[in-house]
Amino acid sequence: MLTKAPKLKYIIKTKSKNNVNVRPTSEAMIELLALLFLNSLAEEAKSKAFEEKSATIRAQHLKAISKKMLKKSRG
């Protein structure tokens, strides 16, 4: 079984306006979706760095693709 991110439950509880109960399966789903988003963000940044012939992913590569990825993830 996956171990949860240490601050995930805290973030869910404090960022919601009203007291929301989140089941463990929902927490796992939220964590998996966050990991999938980070994975796709890393893949896009990797391809951007490759296009610019850079061996490392830098902040400028992430900034260049972040808007596109956020729009894509909204649905």
PDB file of N, CA and C in Angstrom:
ATOM      1  N   MET A   1       0.840  -1.179   0.000  1.00  0.00           N
ATOM      2  CA  MET A   1       0.000   0.000   0.000  1.00  0.00           C
ATOM      3  C   MET A   1       0.885   1.243   0.000  1.00  0.00           C
ATOM      4  N   LEU A   2       0.409   2.271  -0.630  1.00  0.00           N
ATOM      5  CA  LEU A   2       1.164   3.512  -0.695  1.00  0.00           C
ATOM      6  C   LEU A   2       1.143   4.226   0.645  1.00  0.00           C
ATOM      7  N   THR A   3       2.251   4.834   0.978  1.00  0.00           N
ATOM      8  CA  THR A   3       2.260   5.678   2.169  1.00  0.00           C
ATOM      9  C   THR A   3       1.830   7.070   1.757  1.00  0.00           C
ATOM     10  N   LYS A   4       1.068   7.716   2.596  1.00  0.00           N
ATOM     11  CA  LYS A   4       0.522   9.032   2.265  1.00  0.00           C
ATOM     12  C   LYS A   4       1.582  10.115   2.436  1.00  0.00           C
ATOM     13  N   ALA A   5       1.409  11.172   1.684  1.00  0.00           N
ATOM     14  CA  ALA A   5       2.267  12.337   1.873  1.00  0.00           C
ATOM     15  C   ALA A   5       2.002  12.881   3.268  1.00  0.00           C
ATOM     16  N   PRO A   6       3.030  13.257   4.016  1.00  0.00           N
ATOM     17  CA  PRO A   6       2.826  13.635   5.419  1.00  0.00           C
ATOM     18  C   PRO A   6       1.910  14.826   5.629  1.00  0.00           C
ATOM     19  N   LYS A   7       1.875  15.750   4.706  1.00  0.00           N
ATOM     20  CA  LYS A   7       1.087  16.962   4.908  1.00  0.00           C
ATOM     21  C   LYS A   7      -0.221  16.940   4.135  1.00  0.00           C
ATOM     22  N   LEU A   8      -0.505  15.869   3.422  1.00  0.00           N
ATOM     23  CA  LEU A   8      -1.689  15.830   2.583  1.00  0.00           C
ATOM     24  C   LEU A   8      -2.963  15.990   3.393  1.00  0.00           C
ATOM     25  N   LYS A   9      -3.109  15.242   4.451  1.00  0.00           N
ATOM     26  CA  LYS A   9      -4.323  15.326   5.262  1.00  0.00           C
ATOM     27  C   LYS A   9      -4.440  16.707   5.906  1.00  0.00           C
ATOM     28  N   TYR A  10      -3.332  17.260   6.343  1.00  0.00           N
ATOM     29  CA  TYR A  10      -3.328  18.589   6.944  1.00  0.00           C
ATOM     30  C   TYR A  10      -3.778  19.641   5.937  1.00  0.00           C
ATOM     31  N   ILE A  11      -3.282  19.557   4.714  1.00  0.00           N
ATOM     32  CA  ILE A  11      -3.643  20.517   3.678  1.00  0.00           C
ATOM     33  C   ILE A  11      -5.130  20.412   3.352  1.00  0.00           C
ATOM     34  N   ILE A  12      -5.633  19.210   3.244  1.00  0.00           N
ATOM     35  CA  ILE A  12      -7.045  19.017   2.922  1.00  0.00           C
ATOM     36  C   ILE A  12      -7.915  19.601   4.026  1.00  0.00           C
ATOM     37  N   LYS A  13      -7.555  19.376   5.270  1.00  0.00           N
ATOM     38  CA  LYS A  13      -8.364  19.845   6.388  1.00  0.00           C
ATOM     39  C   LYS A  13      -8.314  21.369   6.534  1.00  0.00           C
ATOM     40  N   THR A  14      -7.141  21.972   6.383  1.00  0.00           N
ATOM     41  CA  THR A  14      -7.004  23.400   6.653  1.00  0.00           C
ATOM     42  C   THR A  14      -7.415  24.278   5.478  1.00  0.00           C
ATOM     43  N   LYS A  15      -7.269  23.817   4.259  1.00  0.00           N
ATOM     44  CA  LYS A  15      -7.566  24.651   3.095  1.00  0.00           C
ATOM     45  C   LYS A  15      -9.046  24.675   2.748  1.00  0.00           C
ATOM     46  N   SER A  16      -9.812  23.732   3.273  1.00  0.00           N
ATOM     47  CA  SER A  16     -11.243  23.741   2.979  1.00  0.00           C
ATOM     48  C   SER A  16     -11.943  24.736   3.896  1.00  0.00           C
ATOM     49  N   LYS A  17     -12.971  25.377   3.370  1.00  0.00           N
ATOM     50  CA  LYS A  17     -13.688  26.394   4.137  1.00  0.00           C
ATOM     51  C   LYS A  17     -14.461  25.792   5.298  1.00  0.00           C
ATOM     52  N   ASN A  18     -15.122  24.671   5.058  1.00  0.00           N
ATOM     53  CA  ASN A  18     -15.858  24.013   6.118  1.00  0.00           C
ATOM     54  C   ASN A  18     -15.175  22.688   6.447  1.00  0.00           C
ATOM     55  N   ASN A  19     -15.548  22.119   7.557  1.00  0.00           N
ATOM     56  CA  ASN A  19     -14.911  20.895   8.013  1.00  0.00           C
ATOM     57  C   ASN A  19     -15.323  19.731   7.110  1.00  0.00           C
ATOM     58  N   VAL A  20     -14.393  19.238   6.318  1.00  0.00           N
ATOM     59  CA  VAL A  20     -14.660  18.186   5.358  1.00  0.00           C
ATOM     60  C   VAL A  20     -14.005  16.896   5.840  1.00  0.00           C
ATOM     61  N   ASN A  21     -14.793  15.839   5.882  1.00  0.00           N
ATOM     62  CA  ASN A  21     -14.243  14.535   6.203  1.00  0.00           C
ATOM     63  C   ASN A  21     -13.836  13.846   4.912  1.00  0.00           C
ATOM     64  N   VAL A  22     -12.609  13.384   4.854  1.00  0.00           N
ATOM     65  CA  VAL A  22     -12.091  12.727   3.656  1.00  0.00           C
ATOM     66  C   VAL A  22     -11.727  11.298   4.028  1.00  0.00           C
ATOM     67  N   ARG A  23     -12.267  10.370   3.285  1.00  0.00           N
ATOM     68  CA  ARG A  23     -11.988   8.962   3.553  1.00  0.00           C
ATOM     69  C   ARG A  23     -10.587   8.604   3.072  1.00  0.00           C
ATOM     70  N   PRO A  24     -10.019   7.555   3.643  1.00  0.00           N
ATOM     71  CA  PRO A  24      -8.655   7.155   3.236  1.00  0.00           C
ATOM     72  C   PRO A  24      -8.533   6.825   1.754  1.00  0.00           C
ATOM     73  N   THR A  25      -9.567   6.247   1.161  1.00  0.00           N
ATOM     74  CA  THR A  25      -9.489   5.950  -0.276  1.00  0.00           C
ATOM     75  C   THR A  25      -9.445   7.233  -1.098  1.00  0.00           C
ATOM     76  N   SER A  26     -10.168   8.257  -0.644  1.00  0.00           N
ATOM     77  CA  SER A  26     -10.128   9.544  -1.344  1.00  0.00           C
ATOM     78  C   SER A  26      -8.773  10.208  -1.194  1.00  0.00           C
ATOM     79  N   GLU A  27      -8.176  10.077  -0.016  1.00  0.00           N
ATOM     80  CA  GLU A  27      -6.835  10.628   0.181  1.00  0.00           C
ATOM     81  C   GLU A  27      -5.841   9.957  -0.758  1.00  0.00           C
ATOM     82  N   ALA A  28      -5.976   8.650  -0.914  1.00  0.00           N
ATOM     83  CA  ALA A  28      -5.080   7.924  -1.822  1.00  0.00           C
ATOM     84  C   ALA A  28      -5.283   8.387  -3.258  1.00  0.00           C
ATOM     85  N   MET A  29      -6.524   8.620  -3.649  1.00  0.00           N
ATOM     86  CA  MET A  29      -6.820   9.079  -5.001  1.00  0.00           C
ATOM     87  C   MET A  29      -6.247  10.478  -5.236  1.00  0.00           C
ATOM     88  N   ILE A  30      -6.383  11.350  -4.263  1.00  0.00           N
ATOM     89  CA  ILE A  30      -5.834  12.702  -4.378  1.00  0.00           C
ATOM     90  C   ILE A  30      -4.320  12.645  -4.522  1.00  0.00           C
ATOM     91  N   GLU A  31      -3.684  11.793  -3.728  1.00  0.00           N
ATOM     92  CA  GLU A  31      -2.230  11.670  -3.812  1.00  0.00           C
ATOM     93  C   GLU A  31      -1.794  11.116  -5.157  1.00  0.00           C
ATOM     94  N   LEU A  32      -2.510  10.118  -5.663  1.00  0.00           N
ATOM     95  CA  LEU A  32      -2.162   9.556  -6.971  1.00  0.00           C
ATOM     96  C   LEU A  32      -2.327  10.584  -8.086  1.00  0.00           C
ATOM     97  N   LEU A  33      -3.394  11.374  -8.021  1.00  0.00           N
ATOM     98  CA  LEU A  33      -3.586  12.411  -9.035  1.00  0.00           C
ATOM     99  C   LEU A  33      -2.491  13.471  -8.972  1.00  0.00           C
ATOM    100  N   ALA A  34      -2.076  13.813  -7.763  1.00  0.00           N
ATOM    101  CA  ALA A  34      -0.985  14.786  -7.618  1.00  0.00           C
ATOM    102  C   ALA A  34       0.316  14.223  -8.181  1.00  0.00           C
ATOM    103  N   LEU A  35       0.571  12.944  -7.923  1.00  0.00           N
ATOM    104  CA  LEU A  35       1.781  12.318  -8.451  1.00  0.00           C
ATOM    105  C   LEU A  35       1.744  12.219  -9.974  1.00  0.00           C
ATOM    106  N   LEU A  36       0.591  11.920 -10.539  1.00  0.00           N
ATOM    107  CA  LEU A  36       0.467  11.877 -11.997  1.00  0.00           C
ATOM    108  C   LEU A  36       0.708  13.247 -12.611  1.00  0.00           C
ATOM    109  N   PHE A  37       0.185  14.289 -11.959  1.00  0.00           N
ATOM    110  CA  PHE A  37       0.411  15.638 -12.458  1.00  0.00           C
ATOM    111  C   PHE A  37       1.893  15.996 -12.404  1.00  0.00           C
ATOM    112  N   LEU A  38       2.548  15.682 -11.288  1.00  0.00           N
ATOM    113  CA  LEU A  38       3.971  15.986 -11.163  1.00  0.00           C
ATOM    114  C   LEU A  38       4.796  15.192 -12.164  1.00  0.00           C
ATOM    115  N   ASN A  39       4.386  13.960 -12.422  1.00  0.00           N
ATOM    116  CA  ASN A  39       5.097  13.140 -13.401  1.00  0.00           C
ATOM    117  C   ASN A  39       4.976  13.742 -14.800  1.00  0.00           C
ATOM    118  N   SER A  40       3.768  14.151 -15.183  1.00  0.00           N
ATOM    119  CA  SER A  40       3.602  14.754 -16.510  1.00  0.00           C
ATOM    120  C   SER A  40       4.324  16.096 -16.610  1.00  0.00           C
ATOM    121  N   LEU A  41       4.341  16.852 -15.509  1.00  0.00           N
ATOM    122  CA  LEU A  41       5.074  18.116 -15.486  1.00  0.00           C
ATOM    123  C   LEU A  41       6.570  17.875 -15.682  1.00  0.00           C
ATOM    124  N   ALA A  42       7.089  16.851 -15.029  1.00  0.00           N
ATOM    125  CA  ALA A  42       8.507  16.521 -15.169  1.00  0.00           C
ATOM    126  C   ALA A  42       8.834  16.052 -16.581  1.00  0.00           C
ATOM    127  N   GLU A  43       7.939  15.273 -17.190  1.00  0.00           N
ATOM    128  CA  GLU A  43       8.165  14.802 -18.553  1.00  0.00           C
ATOM    129  C   GLU A  43       8.179  15.968 -19.548  1.00  0.00           C
ATOM    130  N   GLU A  44       7.248  16.881 -19.398  1.00  0.00           N
ATOM    131  CA  GLU A  44       7.209  18.046 -20.291  1.00  0.00           C
ATOM    132  C   GLU A  44       8.436  18.937 -20.092  1.00  0.00           C
ATOM    133  N   ALA A  45       8.846  19.116 -18.842  1.00  0.00           N
ATOM    134  CA  ALA A  45      10.043  19.921 -18.568  1.00  0.00           C
ATOM    135  C   ALA A  45      11.288  19.246 -19.133  1.00  0.00           C
ATOM    136  N   LYS A  46      11.303  17.929 -19.081  1.00  0.00           N
ATOM    137  CA  LYS A  46      12.427  17.177 -19.642  1.00  0.00           C
ATOM    138  C   LYS A  46      12.508  17.374 -21.149  1.00  0.00           C
ATOM    139  N   SER A  47      11.357  17.328 -21.821  1.00  0.00           N
ATOM    140  CA  SER A  47      11.372  17.525 -23.269  1.00  0.00           C
ATOM    141  C   SER A  47      11.749  18.961 -23.622  1.00  0.00           C
ATOM    142  N   LYS A  48      11.301  19.925 -22.810  1.00  0.00           N
ATOM    143  CA  LYS A  48      11.671  21.330 -23.041  1.00  0.00           C
ATOM    144  C   LYS A  48      13.178  21.526 -22.868  1.00  0.00           C
ATOM    145  N   ALA A  49      13.742  20.898 -21.841  1.00  0.00           N
ATOM    146  CA  ALA A  49      15.190  20.997 -21.630  1.00  0.00           C
ATOM    147  C   ALA A  49      15.944  20.335 -22.776  1.00  0.00           C
ATOM    148  N   PHE A  50      15.419  19.226 -23.281  1.00  0.00           N
ATOM    149  CA  PHE A  50      16.058  18.547 -24.406  1.00  0.00           C
ATOM    150  C   PHE A  50      16.033  19.413 -25.655  1.00  0.00           C
ATOM    151  N   GLU A  51      14.924  20.127 -25.866  1.00  0.00           N
ATOM    152  CA  GLU A  51      14.827  21.027 -27.017  1.00  0.00           C
ATOM    153  C   GLU A  51      15.871  22.131 -26.956  1.00  0.00           C
ATOM    154  N   GLU A  52      16.142  22.602 -25.737  1.00  0.00           N
ATOM    155  CA  GLU A  52      17.128  23.668 -25.566  1.00  0.00           C
ATOM    156  C   GLU A  52      18.544  23.131 -25.371  1.00  0.00           C
ATOM    157  N   LYS A  53      18.709  21.833 -25.574  1.00  0.00           N
ATOM    158  CA  LYS A  53      20.010  21.158 -25.467  1.00  0.00           C
ATOM    159  C   LYS A  53      20.643  21.358 -24.097  1.00  0.00           C
ATOM    160  N   SER A  54      19.826  21.222 -23.073  1.00  0.00           N
ATOM    161  CA  SER A  54      20.297  21.338 -21.699  1.00  0.00           C
ATOM    162  C   SER A  54      20.274  19.950 -21.060  1.00  0.00           C
ATOM    163  N   ALA A  55      21.280  19.652 -20.260  1.00  0.00           N
ATOM    164  CA  ALA A  55      21.356  18.343 -19.612  1.00  0.00           C
ATOM    165  C   ALA A  55      20.519  18.283 -18.335  1.00  0.00           C
ATOM    166  N   THR A  56      20.195  19.448 -17.777  1.00  0.00           N
ATOM    167  CA  THR A  56      19.417  19.473 -16.538  1.00  0.00           C
ATOM    168  C   THR A  56      18.133  20.270 -16.733  1.00  0.00           C
ATOM    169  N   ILE A  57      17.131  19.931 -15.935  1.00  0.00           N
ATOM    170  CA  ILE A  57      15.874  20.665 -15.952  1.00  0.00           C
ATOM    171  C   ILE A  57      16.022  21.844 -14.998  1.00  0.00           C
ATOM    172  N   ARG A  58      15.815  23.025 -15.514  1.00  0.00           N
ATOM    173  CA  ARG A  58      15.944  24.237 -14.705  1.00  0.00           C
ATOM    174  C   ARG A  58      14.577  24.869 -14.476  1.00  0.00           C
ATOM    175  N   ALA A  59      14.554  25.873 -13.620  1.00  0.00           N
ATOM    176  CA  ALA A  59      13.309  26.561 -13.294  1.00  0.00           C
ATOM    177  C   ALA A  59      12.699  27.215 -14.526  1.00  0.00           C
ATOM    178  N   GLN A  60      13.524  27.689 -15.428  1.00  0.00           N
ATOM    179  CA  GLN A  60      13.005  28.336 -16.634  1.00  0.00           C
ATOM    180  C   GLN A  60      12.236  27.349 -17.511  1.00  0.00           C
ATOM    181  N   HIS A  61      12.648  26.083 -17.498  1.00  0.00           N
ATOM    182  CA  HIS A  61      11.927  25.070 -18.273  1.00  0.00           C
ATOM    183  C   HIS A  61      10.558  24.807 -17.655  1.00  0.00           C
ATOM    184  N   LEU A  62      10.511  24.767 -16.332  1.00  0.00           N
ATOM    185  CA  LEU A  62       9.232  24.548 -15.650  1.00  0.00           C
ATOM    186  C   LEU A  62       8.294  25.732 -15.844  1.00  0.00           C
ATOM    187  N   LYS A  63       8.833  26.939 -15.776  1.00  0.00           N
ATOM    188  CA  LYS A  63       8.005  28.130 -15.971  1.00  0.00           C
ATOM    189  C   LYS A  63       7.449  28.186 -17.386  1.00  0.00           C
ATOM    190  N   ALA A  64       8.230  27.727 -18.343  1.00  0.00           N
ATOM    191  CA  ALA A  64       7.803  27.785 -19.734  1.00  0.00           C
ATOM    192  C   ALA A  64       6.616  26.874 -20.017  1.00  0.00           C
ATOM    193  N   ILE A  65       6.500  25.773 -19.306  1.00  0.00           N
ATOM    194  CA  ILE A  65       5.421  24.823 -19.588  1.00  0.00           C
ATOM    195  C   ILE A  65       4.335  24.806 -18.520  1.00  0.00           C
ATOM    196  N   SER A  66       4.519  25.526 -17.434  1.00  0.00           N
ATOM    197  CA  SER A  66       3.574  25.419 -16.322  1.00  0.00           C
ATOM    198  C   SER A  66       2.164  25.878 -16.699  1.00  0.00           C
ATOM    199  N   LYS A  67       2.011  27.003 -17.404  1.00  0.00           N
ATOM    200  CA  LYS A  67       0.688  27.473 -17.789  1.00  0.00           C
ATOM    201  C   LYS A  67      -0.025  26.468 -18.691  1.00  0.00           C
ATOM    202  N   LYS A  68       0.710  25.923 -19.641  1.00  0.00           N
ATOM    203  CA  LYS A  68       0.126  24.958 -20.553  1.00  0.00           C
ATOM    204  C   LYS A  68      -0.339  23.709 -19.799  1.00  0.00           C
ATOM    205  N   MET A  69       0.460  23.239 -18.858  1.00  0.00           N
ATOM    206  CA  MET A  69       0.113  22.044 -18.109  1.00  0.00           C
ATOM    207  C   MET A  69      -1.062  22.292 -17.159  1.00  0.00           C
ATOM    208  N   LEU A  70      -1.132  23.461 -16.555  1.00  0.00           N
ATOM    209  CA  LEU A  70      -2.243  23.764 -15.662  1.00  0.00           C
ATOM    210  C   LEU A  70      -3.556  23.871 -16.431  1.00  0.00           C
ATOM    211  N   LYS A  71      -3.523  24.465 -17.606  1.00  0.00           N
ATOM    212  CA  LYS A  71      -4.729  24.526 -18.439  1.00  0.00           C
ATOM    213  C   LYS A  71      -5.155  23.132 -18.861  1.00  0.00           C
ATOM    214  N   LYS A  72      -4.199  22.308 -19.195  1.00  0.00           N
ATOM    215  CA  LYS A  72      -4.477  20.946 -19.637  1.00  0.00           C
ATOM    216  C   LYS A  72      -5.059  20.105 -18.491  1.00  0.00           C
ATOM    217  N   SER A  73      -4.624  20.331 -17.283  1.00  0.00           N
ATOM    218  CA  SER A  73      -5.076  19.516 -16.157  1.00  0.00           C
ATOM    219  C   SER A  73      -6.451  19.934 -15.641  1.00  0.00           C
ATOM    220  N   ARG A  74      -6.895  21.130 -15.974  1.00  0.00           N
ATOM    221  CA  ARG A  74      -8.229  21.577 -15.525  1.00  0.00           C
ATOM    222  C   ARG A  74      -9.337  20.776 -16.185  1.00  0.00           C
ATOM    223  N   GLY A  75      -9.109  20.368 -17.401  1.00  0.00           N
ATOM    224  CA  GLY A  75     -10.114  19.543 -18.067  1.00  0.00           C
ATOM    225  C   GLY A  75     -10.955  20.250 -19.061  1.00  0.00           C
TER     226      GLY A  75
END
